[in-house]
Amino acid sequence: MVRGKIEMKRIENTTSRQVTFSKRRNGLLKKAYELSVLCDAEVAVIIFSQKGRVYEFSSSDLQKTVERYQKNTKEVQIDMPHTEQYMEQAKQEIANMVKKIELLEVSQRRLLGQELGSCSIEELQEIDGQLEQSLRSIRARKAQLFNEQIEQLKAKERLLLEENARLYTKSGAKSSTKQTEAIRNFIPSCQTSEVETELFIGLPEMRFG
């Protein structure tokens, strides 16, 4: 048979309430004993019935357990003021940080040219000085980057010129070699060919070999 869920409220019937108290009390004391044995914990349970009867369980001396509890409670109460003081300091630091963030946001908007209507002449002069200083820093950084890029381009130019000179030298050597070989091949052919250079006056049939 499935046990139904019991509604958590005071049992009105006196007899039923007394029976439930006895069962639950014994079950609670048993669980306390099991907890002390299984987990090697110092456990103490004190129960007062509706009629004022005392039921208790302690894994060790009950008085020592109670004294230990009281001592621990006092230490917690002593530490509470320090904890509260720490919390107050933390809240104050958070509030200060929020104010600083708000001021920084206002300053940033003013540097962008926003919300200037409420600024005095002194504040506008201060903003103008900040902008001038920022521009000088930006221009200096810009000039530095330009110089670095120019140096990099010059280095690339030198490498390209060196490579070009190397390729030109290599190409010139090959062209000279080919011309030399062509001249060497041409000279023997000129020497072995017969070219007639005599001057002859008269008719062709009168020419002697």
Protein backbone atom coordinates (compact mmCIF):
# COMPACT_ATOMS: atom_id res chain seq x y z
CA MET A 1 0.00 0.00 0.00
CA VAL A 2 1.39 3.37 -1.02
CA ARG A 3 1.82 5.82 1.81
CA GLY A 4 0.05 9.11 1.16
CA LYS A 5 1.71 12.52 1.49
CA ILE A 6 1.11 14.10 4.90
CA GLU A 7 0.15 17.74 4.99
CA MET A 8 2.56 19.76 7.12
CA LYS A 9 0.30 21.33 9.71
CA ARG A 10 -0.55 20.81 13.39
CA ILE A 11 -2.42 17.59 14.11
CA GLU A 12 -5.62 18.59 15.85
CA ASN A 13 -6.47 15.20 17.33
CA THR A 14 -4.61 14.81 20.64
CA THR A 15 -4.20 11.05 20.44
CA SER A 16 -2.99 11.10 16.86
CA ARG A 17 -0.61 13.94 17.69
CA GLN A 18 0.89 11.97 20.60
CA VAL A 19 1.31 8.83 18.51
CA THR A 20 2.98 10.80 15.71
CA PHE A 21 5.29 12.51 18.20
CA SER A 22 6.48 9.21 19.61
CA LYS A 23 7.12 7.70 16.17
CA ARG A 24 8.87 10.75 14.76
CA ARG A 25 10.92 11.26 17.94
CA ASN A 26 12.24 7.73 17.85
CA GLY A 27 12.98 8.06 14.13
CA LEU A 28 14.83 11.34 14.69
CA LEU A 29 16.96 9.91 17.51
CA LYS A 30 17.74 6.87 15.39
CA LYS A 31 18.84 9.05 12.46
CA ALA A 32 21.04 11.09 14.80
CA TYR A 33 22.72 7.92 16.03
CA GLU A 34 23.28 6.64 12.49
CA LEU A 35 24.75 9.98 11.44
CA SER A 36 27.21 9.97 14.35
CA VAL A 37 28.34 6.40 13.61
CA LEU A 38 28.49 6.54 9.80
CA CYS A 39 30.11 9.97 9.51
CA ASP A 40 32.05 10.08 12.81
CA ALA A 41 30.24 13.34 13.62
CA GLU A 42 29.56 14.86 17.01
CA VAL A 43 25.76 14.91 17.18
CA ALA A 44 23.44 16.06 19.92
CA VAL A 45 19.63 16.20 19.81
CA ILE A 46 17.36 17.68 22.50
CA ILE A 47 13.58 17.32 22.23
CA PHE A 48 10.95 18.85 24.52
CA SER A 49 7.49 17.35 24.30
CA GLN A 50 4.32 19.39 24.56
CA LYS A 51 4.05 18.39 28.22
CA GLY A 52 7.66 19.45 28.94
CA ARG A 53 9.35 16.07 28.94
CA VAL A 54 12.95 16.01 27.73
CA TYR A 55 14.32 13.48 25.26
CA GLU A 56 17.92 13.67 24.20
CA PHE A 57 20.68 11.92 22.34
CA SER A 58 24.39 12.73 22.24
CA SER A 59 27.22 10.89 20.57
CA SER A 60 29.52 12.19 23.32
CA ASP A 61 29.06 14.16 26.52
CA LEU A 62 25.99 16.34 26.01
CA GLN A 63 27.26 19.16 28.24
CA LYS A 64 30.55 19.40 26.32
CA THR A 65 28.67 19.46 23.01
CA VAL A 66 26.46 22.29 24.25
CA GLU A 67 29.49 24.24 25.51
CA ARG A 68 31.19 23.76 22.18
CA TYR A 69 28.09 25.06 20.41
CA GLN A 70 27.90 28.12 22.66
CA LYS A 71 31.57 28.88 22.13
CA ASN A 72 31.18 28.63 18.37
CA THR A 73 28.13 30.88 18.47
CA LYS A 74 30.01 33.54 20.43
CA GLU A 75 32.90 33.48 17.93
CA VAL A 76 30.44 34.01 15.09
CA GLN A 77 28.84 36.91 16.96
CA ILE A 78 32.28 38.46 17.53
CA ASP A 79 33.13 38.18 13.84
CA MET A 80 29.84 39.72 12.74
CA PRO A 81 30.86 43.36 13.36
CA HIS A 82 34.00 42.83 11.26
CA THR A 83 31.88 41.30 8.50
CA GLU A 84 29.42 44.16 8.60
CA GLN A 85 32.26 46.67 8.52
CA TYR A 86 33.77 44.94 5.53
CA MET A 87 30.41 44.98 3.74
CA GLU A 88 30.02 48.71 4.41
CA GLN A 89 33.49 49.39 3.01
CA ALA A 90 32.72 47.30 -0.06
CA LYS A 91 29.47 49.21 -0.64
CA GLN A 92 31.30 52.53 -0.30
CA GLU A 93 33.99 51.44 -2.77
CA ILE A 94 31.33 50.35 -5.25
CA ALA A 95 29.56 53.71 -4.93
CA ASN A 96 32.85 55.58 -5.50
CA MET A 97 33.60 53.44 -8.53
CA VAL A 98 30.16 54.16 -9.99
CA LYS A 99 30.75 57.91 -9.56
CA LYS A 100 34.14 57.68 -11.26
CA ILE A 101 32.62 55.80 -14.19
CA GLU A 102 29.92 58.44 -14.54
CA LEU A 103 32.51 61.25 -14.54
CA LEU A 104 34.57 59.43 -17.16
CA GLU A 105 31.52 58.99 -19.36
CA VAL A 106 30.68 62.70 -19.07
CA SER A 107 34.31 63.60 -19.90
CA GLN A 108 34.28 61.30 -22.91
CA ARG A 109 31.06 62.82 -24.26
CA ARG A 110 32.48 66.33 -23.85
CA LEU A 111 35.66 65.38 -25.69
CA LEU A 112 33.40 64.23 -28.52
CA GLY A 113 31.75 67.66 -28.55
CA GLN A 114 28.58 66.60 -26.74
CA GLU A 115 26.85 68.14 -23.72
CA LEU A 116 28.95 71.31 -23.81
CA GLY A 117 26.09 73.63 -22.94
CA SER A 118 26.64 73.33 -19.19
CA CYS A 119 30.44 73.84 -19.40
CA SER A 120 32.07 77.00 -18.10
CA ILE A 121 34.87 78.84 -19.89
CA GLU A 122 37.47 77.20 -17.65
CA GLU A 123 36.08 73.75 -18.40
CA LEU A 124 36.05 74.47 -22.14
CA GLN A 125 39.67 75.67 -21.98
CA GLU A 126 40.62 72.48 -20.14
CA ILE A 127 38.86 70.37 -22.78
CA ASP A 128 40.62 72.36 -25.53
CA GLY A 129 43.99 71.70 -23.88
CA GLN A 130 43.24 67.99 -23.61
CA LEU A 131 42.30 67.83 -27.28
CA GLU A 132 45.49 69.65 -28.31
CA GLN A 133 47.60 67.26 -26.27
CA SER A 134 45.77 64.30 -27.79
CA LEU A 135 46.34 65.66 -31.30
CA ARG A 136 50.05 66.07 -30.64
CA SER A 137 50.28 62.49 -29.43
CA ILE A 138 48.30 61.24 -32.42
CA ARG A 139 50.44 63.18 -34.90
CA ALA A 140 53.65 61.96 -33.30
CA ARG A 141 52.47 58.37 -33.51
CA LYS A 142 51.34 58.91 -37.10
CA ALA A 143 54.75 60.33 -38.07
CA GLN A 144 56.47 57.39 -36.40
CA LEU A 145 54.38 54.91 -38.39
CA PHE A 146 55.07 56.79 -41.63
CA ASN A 147 58.82 56.70 -40.98
CA GLU A 148 58.68 52.99 -40.23
CA GLN A 149 56.78 52.35 -43.47
CA ILE A 150 59.29 54.45 -45.45
CA GLU A 151 62.20 52.47 -44.01
CA GLN A 152 60.47 49.22 -44.88
CA LEU A 153 59.86 50.40 -48.47
CA LYS A 154 63.50 51.49 -48.79
CA ALA A 155 64.65 48.08 -47.59
CA LYS A 156 62.38 46.39 -50.15
CA GLU A 157 63.72 48.72 -52.86
CA ARG A 158 67.31 47.79 -52.03
CA LEU A 159 66.48 44.10 -52.20
CA LEU A 160 64.76 44.53 -55.57
CA LEU A 161 67.71 46.50 -56.97
CA GLU A 162 70.15 43.85 -55.81
CA GLU A 163 68.01 41.10 -57.33
CA ASN A 164 67.69 43.06 -60.57
CA ALA A 165 71.45 43.57 -60.78
CA ARG A 166 72.08 39.91 -60.13
CA LEU A 167 69.63 38.86 -62.85
CA TYR A 168 71.11 41.42 -65.28
CA THR A 169 74.63 40.16 -64.66
CA LYS A 170 73.53 36.56 -65.12
CA SER A 171 71.62 37.41 -68.32
CA GLY A 172 74.60 39.41 -69.72
CA ALA A 173 77.00 36.50 -69.17
CA LYS A 174 74.73 34.12 -71.07
CA SER A 175 74.33 36.56 -73.98
CA SER A 176 78.14 37.04 -74.27
CA THR A 177 78.69 33.28 -74.32
CA LYS A 178 76.15 32.81 -77.09
CA GLN A 179 77.72 35.58 -79.22
CA THR A 180 81.20 34.03 -78.80
CA GLU A 181 79.95 30.63 -79.94
CA ALA A 182 78.20 32.18 -82.96
CA ILE A 183 81.42 33.96 -84.03
CA ARG A 184 83.46 30.75 -83.65
CA ASN A 185 80.98 28.85 -85.81
CA PHE A 186 80.93 31.60 -88.43
CA ILE A 187 84.72 31.99 -88.98
CA PRO A 188 85.42 28.45 -90.31
CA SER A 189 82.57 28.70 -92.79
CA CYS A 190 84.04 31.91 -94.16
CA GLN A 191 87.49 30.38 -94.54
CA THR A 192 86.31 27.28 -96.43
CA SER A 193 83.97 29.02 -98.91
CA GLU A 194 85.42 30.00 -102.34
CA VAL A 195 84.71 33.55 -103.37
CA GLU A 196 85.74 34.71 -106.87
CA THR A 197 87.47 38.07 -106.74
CA GLU A 198 89.28 38.33 -110.13
CA LEU A 199 88.41 41.17 -112.55
CA PHE A 200 87.74 39.97 -116.19
CA ILE A 201 87.13 42.17 -119.22
CA GLY A 202 85.77 40.60 -122.39
CA LEU A 203 83.19 38.17 -123.59
CA PRO A 204 82.28 35.24 -121.40
CA GLU A 205 83.35 32.60 -123.91
CA MET A 206 86.88 34.03 -124.03
CA ARG A 207 87.29 33.49 -120.25
CA PHE A 208 89.77 30.86 -119.28
CA GLY A 209 89.42 28.76 -116.25
